[in-house]
Protein backbone atom coordinates (compact mmCIF):
# COMPACT_ATOMS: atom_id res chain seq x y z
CA MET A 1 -1.99 1.19 -8.72
CA ASP A 2 -2.01 4.56 -10.38
CA TRP A 3 -5.58 5.71 -9.72
CA PHE A 4 -5.62 8.07 -12.70
CA SER A 5 -4.49 5.60 -15.37
CA ARG A 6 -5.55 2.41 -13.46
CA TYR A 7 -2.07 1.07 -14.31
CA VAL A 8 -0.68 -1.48 -11.87
CA VAL A 9 2.85 -0.24 -11.22
CA THR A 10 3.98 -3.39 -9.43
CA TRP A 11 2.47 -5.99 -7.16
CA GLU A 12 3.55 -8.53 -4.57
CA LEU A 13 1.73 -11.27 -2.72
CA ASP A 14 2.38 -12.62 0.77
CA ASP A 15 0.35 -14.39 3.42
CA CYS A 16 0.83 -11.53 5.93
CA LEU A 17 0.82 -7.76 5.65
CA GLU A 18 3.89 -7.15 7.80
CA LEU A 19 6.10 -4.06 7.78
CA ALA A 20 9.05 -5.73 6.00
CA PHE A 21 6.75 -6.90 3.21
CA VAL A 22 5.10 -3.48 2.86
CA ARG A 23 8.46 -1.68 2.77
CA SER A 24 9.77 -4.10 0.14
CA ALA A 25 6.70 -3.65 -2.06
CA VAL A 26 6.77 0.14 -1.77
CA THR A 27 10.52 0.31 -2.41
CA ARG A 28 10.08 -1.81 -5.52
CA SER A 29 7.20 0.33 -6.77
CA LEU A 30 9.15 3.57 -6.16
CA ALA A 31 11.86 2.21 -8.45
CA GLN A 32 9.21 1.99 -11.21
CA ALA A 33 7.24 5.20 -10.65
CA GLN A 34 7.45 8.32 -8.50
CA PRO A 35 4.01 9.29 -7.19
CA GLU A 36 3.30 12.63 -5.57
CA ILE A 37 0.84 11.05 -3.13
CA LEU A 38 0.49 7.50 -1.81
CA ASN A 39 -2.82 6.46 -0.25
CA SER A 40 -3.15 3.82 2.47
CA ASP A 41 -5.30 2.89 5.41
CA GLN A 42 -4.28 3.49 9.02
CA GLY A 43 -2.75 0.07 9.65
CA SER A 44 0.26 -0.06 11.97
CA GLN A 45 2.62 -0.88 9.10
CA PHE A 46 1.54 2.31 7.30
CA THR A 47 1.94 4.53 10.37
CA SER A 48 5.32 3.16 11.48
CA ASP A 49 8.30 5.51 11.63
CA SER A 50 10.22 3.27 9.24
CA TYR A 51 7.51 3.44 6.57
CA LEU A 52 6.95 7.16 7.00
CA GLN A 53 10.70 7.81 6.67
CA LEU A 54 10.80 5.74 3.47
CA LEU A 55 8.09 7.92 1.92
CA HIS A 56 9.65 11.13 3.22
CA ARG A 57 13.06 10.27 1.72
CA ALA A 58 11.34 9.53 -1.61
CA GLY A 59 9.49 12.86 -1.52
CA VAL A 60 6.08 11.19 -1.46
CA ARG A 61 3.20 12.66 0.53
CA LEU A 62 1.00 10.25 2.45
CA SER A 63 -2.78 10.26 2.29
CA MET A 64 -4.73 8.09 4.72
CA GLY A 65 -8.39 7.27 4.70
CA GLY A 66 -10.41 7.99 7.80
CA LYS A 67 -10.71 5.39 10.51
CA GLY A 68 -13.35 2.84 9.57
CA ARG A 69 -13.55 4.07 5.96
CA ALA A 70 -12.39 0.97 4.09
CA SER A 71 -14.22 2.16 0.98
CA ASN A 72 -11.33 4.60 0.33
CA ASN A 73 -9.19 1.69 -0.84
CA ILE A 74 -11.79 -0.10 -2.98
CA PRO A 75 -10.23 0.82 -6.36
CA SER A 76 -6.88 -0.72 -5.41
CA THR A 77 -8.15 -3.75 -3.50
CA SER A 78 -11.16 -4.91 -5.51
CA SER A 79 -8.98 -7.07 -7.77
CA GLY A 80 -7.90 -9.14 -4.76
CA GLN A 81 -11.33 -10.05 -3.41
CA ALA A 82 -10.91 -13.74 -4.29
CA LEU A 83 -7.80 -13.99 -2.14
CA PRO A 84 -7.98 -15.56 1.32
CA LYS A 85 -8.52 -13.13 4.19
CA GLY A 86 -6.22 -13.02 7.21
CA CYS A 87 -2.66 -13.99 7.88
CA GLY A 88 -1.93 -17.58 6.92
CA ALA A 89 -5.45 -18.29 5.63
CA VAL A 90 -5.72 -20.99 2.99
């Protein structure tokens, strides 16, 4: 989501937030728009070398919220509050 315009650039849905899924979603979104900064939390998929290299090659700076500060991501996650929580939840 572009925080300035509130435009959803692209979206994907999966039952797990694994590195391959995250890389695929980010790669697809980078084909649609080129942000200067991408914000995420400190999850292992967002701190992996593979993910960081993907952003570096695209010329995107990474911004991460502080540990335990989930409120940083509220604007981009509030639309998914009705979705099941956890990997494989139904």
